């Protein structure tokens, strides 16, 4: 039976193969694909879902794992037979963050209350869960690492002994970098920490008194180097040769004059390039037009910006509603496509964009896919617009793109350029 597919608002060099509303939970954040199954963390439905995509033309929801009460499972990582899932305070369900700007400005730990006192009375689960996904349709929880504080925001894990996390700990103003020893997946343990000076409020450090949201979104690790995206704090490159004692290589920040929100820092080691995406976090570009930057990192201690990718201009996305601009990029995970010539990115209300960066000084947009208006609004916060918010993208070795959305479900696309 042929599936009726949504008609895109705009498409270029991409073909829609399949679509899923994820079992009636069409809100999605991070997506991983493992053994032909898409695993999607939910923003508003809580928990995570598994969609059987072995036939990409007919994806079928096969599992839903609910989150603990008041807890986010929005981000996750899979490699071979392991799935790592974050557990953190559900910020967008909290009264203090119903005004969206409150989440993206200022010292998060101060607003949550964990920077000033231990979170002994927390009503959420904080830490990292480990699942056996030898059969991805039936995730089995096998381990958990508890943390004291707001919880884990995002992870990096591509197998082996070490995982890496951004963690909001008691006593800190925002998320910091934490290394995790996965030698025993049933008993993962924190190994080391790094934070920018001023973040350890409990130790008497004095943070800058501004409205910046300076905290780690997450780091991508290649070899012994971690490339950290520190939101309004910019780029933080760390030496992690000693996983118990990460050390700073360089800290660079371009906010101001640019609007901050640094979200991804993807190294392309064979070309000595770093792709850095700044997330658009406020409606109608109130935080400015955000960019995906290409940096020359031949000298890691002196990264130099050499170009930005084109900004989508095929419609008036600034005034379409909600967020316009980068959210996430495909991160060259070893089980998927690894390319230093093509960048796949989500641009929220401007859908998916693909960029040819073979000339690093002059990137070109070569493909796009903009889904139609979602069937319903999943975003539960105040004054939200019923519009797509393409969130994350994972690309297979064959070029199939799995795209999640805050409101609009899972799209499976083929790059045809």
Protein backbone atom coordinates (compact mmCIF):
# COMPACT_ATOMS: atom_id res chain seq x y z
CA UNK A 1 0.00 0.00 0.00
CA UNK A 2 1.47 3.36 -1.04
CA UNK A 3 1.80 5.88 1.75
CA UNK A 4 0.24 9.31 1.22
CA UNK A 5 3.13 11.72 1.67
CA UNK A 6 2.94 15.38 2.69
CA UNK A 7 3.54 17.89 -0.08
CA UNK A 8 6.58 20.06 0.68
CA UNK A 9 6.43 23.83 0.59
CA UNK A 10 9.73 23.89 -1.27
CA UNK A 11 12.05 21.20 -2.59
CA UNK A 12 15.28 21.15 -4.57
CA UNK A 13 17.44 18.09 -5.25
CA UNK A 14 15.74 16.09 -2.51
CA UNK A 15 13.05 13.41 -2.71
CA UNK A 16 10.62 12.54 0.06
CA UNK A 17 10.57 8.77 0.57
CA UNK A 18 8.68 8.28 3.80
CA UNK A 19 6.97 10.03 6.68
CA UNK A 20 5.89 9.06 10.21
CA UNK A 21 3.95 10.87 12.91
CA UNK A 22 5.87 8.64 15.35
CA UNK A 23 2.82 6.93 16.76
CA UNK A 24 0.91 10.17 17.35
CA UNK A 25 3.91 11.86 18.97
CA UNK A 26 5.19 13.94 16.06
CA UNK A 27 7.47 16.13 18.17
CA UNK A 28 11.10 15.13 17.84
CA UNK A 29 14.51 16.44 18.81
CA UNK A 30 17.62 14.31 18.34
CA UNK A 31 17.42 11.35 15.96
CA UNK A 32 19.77 8.38 15.66
CA UNK A 33 19.43 5.47 13.23
CA UNK A 34 20.51 2.02 14.34
CA UNK A 35 20.00 -1.25 12.43
CA UNK A 36 17.39 0.45 10.24
CA UNK A 37 15.47 1.91 13.19
CA UNK A 38 15.16 5.64 13.88
CA UNK A 39 15.32 6.46 17.59
CA UNK A 40 13.86 9.89 18.36
CA UNK A 41 13.85 11.88 21.60
CA UNK A 42 10.65 13.85 22.23
CA UNK A 43 10.46 17.51 23.23
CA UNK A 44 6.88 17.71 24.46
CA UNK A 45 5.60 14.10 24.48
CA UNK A 46 8.40 13.07 26.88
CA UNK A 47 10.39 9.87 26.52
CA UNK A 48 11.64 8.52 23.19
CA UNK A 49 10.23 6.50 20.31
CA UNK A 50 11.61 3.88 17.94
CA UNK A 51 10.46 3.81 14.32
CA UNK A 52 11.21 0.82 12.09
CA UNK A 53 12.61 2.33 8.88
CA UNK A 54 13.96 -0.83 7.30
CA UNK A 55 11.58 0.11 4.49
CA UNK A 56 12.16 3.88 4.29
CA UNK A 57 8.99 4.22 2.22
CA UNK A 58 6.87 2.81 5.06
CA UNK A 59 8.29 3.73 8.49
CA UNK A 60 6.42 2.09 11.38
CA UNK A 61 6.48 3.06 15.08
CA UNK A 62 7.45 -0.01 17.11
CA UNK A 63 8.29 1.29 20.59
CA UNK A 64 7.73 4.20 22.94
CA UNK A 65 9.70 4.48 26.19
CA UNK A 66 8.22 7.09 28.56
CA UNK A 67 10.46 9.43 30.50
CA UNK A 68 10.39 9.59 34.29
CA UNK A 69 8.09 12.32 35.68
CA UNK A 70 9.08 15.93 34.89
CA UNK A 71 12.07 14.66 32.89
CA UNK A 72 13.44 15.30 29.39
CA UNK A 73 14.81 12.55 27.14
CA UNK A 74 15.32 14.94 24.22
CA UNK A 75 18.88 13.89 23.27
CA UNK A 76 20.39 10.46 22.75
CA UNK A 77 23.29 8.63 21.13
CA UNK A 78 23.44 5.13 19.67
CA UNK A 79 26.39 3.01 18.61
CA UNK A 80 26.21 -0.69 17.79
CA UNK A 81 24.23 -2.30 20.65
CA UNK A 82 24.19 0.65 23.07
CA UNK A 83 21.85 3.61 23.40
CA UNK A 84 22.64 6.49 25.76
CA UNK A 85 19.72 8.77 26.73
CA UNK A 86 19.86 12.02 28.67
CA UNK A 87 17.73 12.62 31.74
CA UNK A 88 17.22 16.24 32.78
CA UNK A 89 14.65 18.60 34.20
CA UNK A 90 11.93 19.17 31.60
CA UNK A 91 12.63 22.86 31.14
CA UNK A 92 9.86 23.63 28.66
CA UNK A 93 7.21 22.17 30.97
CA UNK A 94 8.40 24.37 33.84
CA UNK A 95 6.55 27.52 34.80
CA UNK A 96 9.71 29.64 34.83
CA UNK A 97 10.38 28.90 31.13
CA UNK A 98 6.92 29.32 29.61
CA UNK A 99 8.28 32.59 28.27
CA UNK A 100 10.76 31.09 25.82
CA UNK A 101 13.29 33.89 26.18
CA UNK A 102 13.81 33.00 29.85
CA UNK A 103 15.40 29.68 28.88
CA UNK A 104 17.86 31.19 26.42
CA UNK A 105 19.03 34.19 28.45
CA UNK A 106 20.97 34.56 31.67
CA UNK A 107 22.39 31.98 34.07
CA UNK A 108 20.32 28.81 33.73
CA UNK A 109 21.54 27.31 37.03
CA UNK A 110 20.37 30.45 38.83
CA UNK A 111 16.91 30.19 37.28
CA UNK A 112 16.57 26.46 37.97
CA UNK A 113 17.93 27.03 41.47
CA UNK A 114 20.72 24.47 41.29
CA UNK A 115 23.50 27.07 41.24
CA UNK A 116 22.58 28.29 44.72
CA UNK A 117 21.64 25.08 46.51
CA UNK A 118 21.79 21.33 46.19
CA UNK A 119 18.88 19.86 44.24
CA UNK A 120 17.91 17.42 47.01
CA UNK A 121 14.23 18.16 46.54
CA UNK A 122 14.23 17.78 42.78
CA UNK A 123 11.13 16.25 41.22
CA UNK A 124 12.91 15.17 38.05
CA UNK A 125 15.49 12.48 37.19
CA UNK A 126 19.01 13.72 36.42
CA UNK A 127 21.65 11.63 34.71
CA UNK A 128 22.30 9.32 31.77
CA UNK A 129 20.49 6.06 31.04
CA UNK A 130 22.08 3.20 29.09
CA UNK A 131 19.99 0.80 27.02
CA UNK A 132 20.79 -2.46 25.27
CA UNK A 133 19.51 -2.09 21.71
CA UNK A 134 20.81 -5.34 20.25
CA UNK A 135 17.16 -5.40 19.14
CA UNK A 136 16.42 -1.69 18.67
CA UNK A 137 12.67 -2.33 18.63
CA UNK A 138 12.93 -3.45 22.26
CA UNK A 139 15.27 -1.14 24.23
CA UNK A 140 16.30 -2.66 27.57
CA UNK A 141 17.65 -0.38 30.28
CA UNK A 142 20.90 -1.78 31.66
CA UNK A 143 22.63 1.11 33.41
CA UNK A 144 22.31 4.62 34.79
CA UNK A 145 24.67 7.39 35.89
CA UNK A 146 23.07 9.73 38.41
CA UNK A 147 24.14 13.37 38.60
CA UNK A 148 23.32 15.96 41.23
CA UNK A 149 21.71 18.94 39.55
CA UNK A 150 19.56 19.78 36.56
CA UNK A 151 20.79 16.81 34.56
CA UNK A 152 22.47 16.01 31.25
CA UNK A 153 21.66 18.04 28.15
CA UNK A 154 23.47 16.34 25.28
CA UNK A 155 25.95 13.54 24.68
CA UNK A 156 28.67 12.44 22.29
CA UNK A 157 29.35 8.71 22.04
CA UNK A 158 30.69 6.76 19.06
CA UNK A 159 31.74 3.57 20.84
CA UNK A 160 34.67 2.60 23.00
CA UNK A 161 35.42 3.51 26.56
CA UNK A 162 34.55 7.21 26.62
CA UNK A 163 31.37 9.22 26.37
CA UNK A 164 31.10 13.00 26.74
CA UNK A 165 28.27 15.10 28.11
CA UNK A 166 27.08 18.59 28.90
CA UNK A 167 25.82 18.52 32.49
CA UNK A 168 24.07 21.06 34.72
CA UNK A 169 25.52 20.25 38.13
CA UNK A 170 24.67 21.66 41.53
CA UNK A 171 26.78 24.73 42.18
CA UNK A 172 27.36 25.69 38.54
CA UNK A 173 25.76 28.51 36.59
CA UNK A 174 25.16 26.42 33.45
CA UNK A 175 26.09 23.18 31.66
CA UNK A 176 29.76 22.16 31.81
CA UNK A 177 31.84 19.51 29.99
CA UNK A 178 32.01 16.05 31.61
CA UNK A 179 33.85 12.92 30.47
CA UNK A 180 32.21 9.55 31.23
CA UNK A 181 33.94 6.19 31.64
CA UNK A 182 31.90 3.56 29.79
CA UNK A 183 34.25 0.63 30.51
CA UNK A 184 31.26 -1.02 32.21
CA UNK A 185 28.12 0.13 30.39
CA UNK A 186 25.98 -1.07 33.28
CA UNK A 187 27.84 1.31 35.61
CA UNK A 188 28.96 4.45 33.76
CA UNK A 189 31.01 6.85 35.87
CA UNK A 190 32.02 10.49 35.66
CA UNK A 191 35.76 10.77 34.99
CA UNK A 192 36.62 14.44 34.48
CA UNK A 193 35.24 17.98 34.16
CA UNK A 194 36.02 21.26 32.45
CA UNK A 195 34.23 24.61 32.83
CA UNK A 196 34.96 28.16 31.89
CA UNK A 197 36.21 30.38 34.70
CA UNK A 198 33.31 31.99 36.56
CA UNK A 199 30.89 29.06 36.20
CA UNK A 200 31.58 27.36 39.54
CA UNK A 201 29.41 29.53 41.76
CA UNK A 202 29.67 27.10 44.68
CA UNK A 203 33.45 27.61 44.73
CA UNK A 204 33.03 31.37 44.87
CA UNK A 205 33.82 32.03 41.23
CA UNK A 206 32.32 35.29 40.02
CA UNK A 207 30.50 34.96 36.71
CA UNK A 208 30.22 37.89 34.35
CA UNK A 209 27.12 39.89 35.19
CA UNK A 210 25.52 39.89 31.77
CA UNK A 211 22.52 38.29 30.12
CA UNK A 212 24.51 35.77 28.09
CA UNK A 213 23.61 32.09 28.23
CA UNK A 214 27.20 30.83 28.62
CA UNK A 215 26.99 27.06 28.96
CA UNK A 216 28.04 24.02 26.97
CA UNK A 217 25.50 22.70 24.50
CA UNK A 218 27.73 19.74 23.67
CA UNK A 219 31.14 18.80 22.37
CA UNK A 220 32.19 16.64 19.43
CA UNK A 221 35.36 14.70 20.15
CA UNK A 222 37.92 13.62 17.55
CA UNK A 223 41.03 11.87 18.81
CA UNK A 224 42.22 13.72 21.88
CA UNK A 225 40.47 17.00 21.07
CA UNK A 226 36.98 18.08 22.14
CA UNK A 227 35.28 20.85 20.17
CA UNK A 228 32.77 22.45 22.50
CA UNK A 229 29.82 24.63 21.43
CA UNK A 230 29.31 26.92 24.44
CA UNK A 231 26.10 28.73 23.43
CA UNK A 232 26.62 32.49 24.01
CA UNK A 233 30.10 31.63 25.22
CA UNK A 234 31.16 30.66 21.69
CA UNK A 235 33.73 27.98 20.85
CA UNK A 236 35.80 26.12 23.45
CA UNK A 237 38.44 23.65 22.18
CA UNK A 238 39.77 21.27 24.84
CA UNK A 239 42.61 18.76 25.09
CA UNK A 240 41.18 15.49 26.46
CA UNK A 241 44.24 13.26 26.18
CA UNK A 242 43.84 12.81 29.93
CA UNK A 243 40.11 12.14 30.15
CA UNK A 244 40.21 12.78 33.89
CA UNK A 245 41.63 16.27 33.43
CA UNK A 246 40.46 18.10 30.28
CA UNK A 247 42.45 21.25 29.57
CA UNK A 248 41.70 24.36 27.55
CA UNK A 249 43.36 24.83 24.15
CA UNK A 250 41.48 27.97 23.12
CA UNK A 251 38.28 29.90 23.81
CA UNK A 252 36.87 32.10 21.03
CA UNK A 253 33.64 34.07 21.15
CA UNK A 254 32.01 36.22 18.47
CA UNK A 255 28.96 37.16 20.57
CA UNK A 256 28.74 40.12 20.53
CA UNK A 257 28.60 41.41 17.84
CA UNK A 258 26.90 38.23 16.56
CA UNK A 259 23.96 36.71 18.41
CA UNK A 260 25.50 33.67 20.12
CA UNK A 261 23.76 30.34 20.58
CA UNK A 262 26.71 28.23 19.37
CA UNK A 263 25.27 24.71 18.98
CA UNK A 264 27.62 22.44 17.01
CA UNK A 265 31.35 22.37 16.36
CA UNK A 266 32.13 19.65 13.81
CA UNK A 267 35.78 18.98 12.92
CA UNK A 268 36.72 17.95 9.40
CA UNK A 269 40.21 16.70 10.29
CA UNK A 270 41.46 15.81 6.80
CA UNK A 271 40.87 19.41 5.72
CA UNK A 272 41.77 21.19 8.99
CA UNK A 273 38.33 22.75 9.01
CA UNK A 274 35.74 23.22 11.73
CA UNK A 275 32.04 23.69 10.93
CA UNK A 276 30.33 25.70 13.65
CA UNK A 277 26.57 26.26 13.74
CA UNK A 278 24.97 29.01 15.84
CA UNK A 279 21.42 28.09 16.83
CA UNK A 280 18.56 30.51 16.21
CA UNK A 281 16.67 30.54 19.52
CA UNK A 282 14.20 33.44 19.40
CA UNK A 283 11.19 34.13 17.20
CA UNK A 284 11.40 36.29 14.10
CA UNK A 285 15.20 36.53 14.42
CA UNK A 286 15.03 38.64 17.59
CA UNK A 287 18.49 37.23 18.34
CA UNK A 288 19.77 38.20 14.89
CA UNK A 289 20.47 36.20 11.75
CA UNK A 290 22.47 33.14 12.77
CA UNK A 291 25.22 31.52 10.73
CA UNK A 292 26.95 28.26 10.01
CA UNK A 293 30.63 29.18 10.00
CA UNK A 294 33.65 27.50 8.45
CA UNK A 295 36.83 27.95 10.46
CA UNK A 296 40.41 27.16 9.49
CA UNK A 297 41.93 25.14 12.37
CA UNK A 298 45.38 24.31 11.00
CA UNK A 299 46.47 25.88 14.29
CA UNK A 300 43.92 24.65 16.84
CA UNK A 301 44.97 27.40 19.22
CA UNK A 302 44.08 30.04 16.64
CA UNK A 303 40.87 29.14 14.75
CA UNK A 304 40.09 31.62 11.97
CA UNK A 305 36.68 32.15 10.35
CA UNK A 306 36.93 31.94 6.56
CA UNK A 307 33.30 31.79 5.37
CA UNK A 308 29.63 31.20 6.18
CA UNK A 309 27.08 29.11 4.30
CA UNK A 310 24.30 30.88 2.34
CA UNK A 311 21.19 31.97 4.24
CA UNK A 312 17.93 30.50 2.82
CA UNK A 313 16.20 33.19 0.75
CA UNK A 314 13.54 31.34 -1.24
CA UNK A 315 10.82 32.68 1.12
CA UNK A 316 10.36 35.26 3.87
CA UNK A 317 11.39 32.94 6.68
CA UNK A 318 12.19 35.75 9.10
CA UNK A 319 8.51 36.62 9.31
CA UNK A 320 7.07 33.11 8.94
CA UNK A 321 6.96 32.65 12.70
CA UNK A 322 8.94 30.82 15.39
CA UNK A 323 12.65 30.23 14.73
CA UNK A 324 14.47 30.80 11.45
CA UNK A 325 18.07 29.71 11.24
CA UNK A 326 20.33 26.79 12.12
CA UNK A 327 19.48 24.24 14.73
CA UNK A 328 21.62 21.20 14.05
CA UNK A 329 23.97 19.64 11.51
CA UNK A 330 24.70 16.03 10.61
CA UNK A 331 27.74 15.24 12.72
CA UNK A 332 29.62 12.67 10.58
CA UNK A 333 28.98 9.79 12.93
CA UNK A 334 30.89 6.62 11.96
CA UNK A 335 27.73 4.56 11.43
CA UNK A 336 26.38 7.11 8.93
CA UNK A 337 27.67 9.36 6.19
CA UNK A 338 31.11 10.84 6.83
CA UNK A 339 31.83 13.70 4.44
CA UNK A 340 34.09 16.71 4.47
CA UNK A 341 32.57 17.99 1.22
CA UNK A 342 28.87 18.20 2.11
CA UNK A 343 27.11 19.70 5.13
CA UNK A 344 23.53 18.71 5.96
CA UNK A 345 21.73 21.16 8.25
CA UNK A 346 18.31 21.92 9.69
CA UNK A 347 17.24 25.56 9.45
CA UNK A 348 14.07 25.25 11.57
CA UNK A 349 11.21 27.03 9.73
CA UNK A 350 13.32 26.89 6.55
CA UNK A 351 13.53 23.09 6.69
CA UNK A 352 16.59 21.13 5.56
CA UNK A 353 19.50 22.56 3.59
CA UNK A 354 22.49 20.83 2.00
CA UNK A 355 25.72 22.72 1.32
CA UNK A 356 28.65 21.91 -0.93
CA UNK A 357 31.80 23.10 0.88
CA UNK A 358 34.35 21.67 -1.54
CA UNK A 359 35.48 25.30 -1.87
CA UNK A 360 35.63 26.19 1.81
CA UNK A 361 35.82 29.89 0.99
CA UNK A 362 32.60 29.82 -1.05
CA UNK A 363 30.04 27.29 0.24
CA UNK A 364 26.98 26.72 -1.97
CA UNK A 365 23.47 25.52 -1.19
CA UNK A 366 22.80 22.52 -3.44
CA UNK A 367 19.58 21.04 -2.02
CA UNK A 368 16.62 21.91 0.20
CA UNK A 369 13.42 20.44 1.61
CA UNK A 370 10.82 22.50 3.47
CA UNK A 371 7.93 20.45 4.92
CA UNK A 372 4.39 21.83 4.92
CA UNK A 373 2.66 23.32 7.94
CA UNK A 374 2.32 20.65 10.66
CA UNK A 375 -1.00 18.94 11.21
CA UNK A 376 -1.11 20.18 14.79
CA UNK A 377 0.92 22.28 17.19
CA UNK A 378 2.90 20.10 19.60
CA UNK A 379 4.73 22.96 21.32
CA UNK A 380 2.97 23.45 24.65
CA UNK A 381 4.58 26.77 25.60
CA UNK A 382 2.83 30.14 25.50
CA UNK A 383 2.23 32.02 22.25
CA UNK A 384 3.81 29.48 19.90
CA UNK A 385 3.21 29.49 16.15
CA UNK A 386 1.93 26.47 14.23
CA UNK A 387 4.90 26.18 11.93
CA UNK A 388 7.56 23.58 11.17
CA UNK A 389 10.72 23.62 13.25
CA UNK A 390 13.05 21.14 11.54
CA UNK A 391 15.31 20.13 14.38
CA UNK A 392 17.82 17.37 13.76
CA UNK A 393 19.24 15.40 10.84
CA UNK A 394 21.04 12.07 10.56
CA UNK A 395 22.36 10.93 7.17
CA UNK A 396 23.08 7.34 6.16
CA UNK A 397 26.09 6.21 4.14
CA UNK A 398 23.70 5.92 1.17
CA UNK A 399 22.54 9.52 1.50
CA UNK A 400 19.16 8.95 3.17
CA UNK A 401 18.30 11.85 5.50
CA UNK A 402 16.24 11.28 8.64
CA UNK A 403 14.83 14.61 9.80
CA UNK A 404 13.02 15.35 13.07
CA UNK A 405 10.80 18.32 13.91
CA UNK A 406 9.42 19.92 17.09
CA UNK A 407 5.92 19.76 15.61
CA UNK A 408 5.82 17.80 12.38
CA UNK A 409 7.11 14.22 12.73
CA UNK A 410 9.87 12.27 11.00
CA UNK A 411 10.73 12.83 7.34
CA UNK A 412 12.92 10.40 5.39
CA UNK A 413 14.54 12.09 2.40
CA UNK A 414 16.91 11.12 -0.37
CA UNK A 415 19.53 13.60 -1.56
CA UNK A 416 19.37 13.51 -5.35
CA UNK A 417 21.87 16.25 -6.26
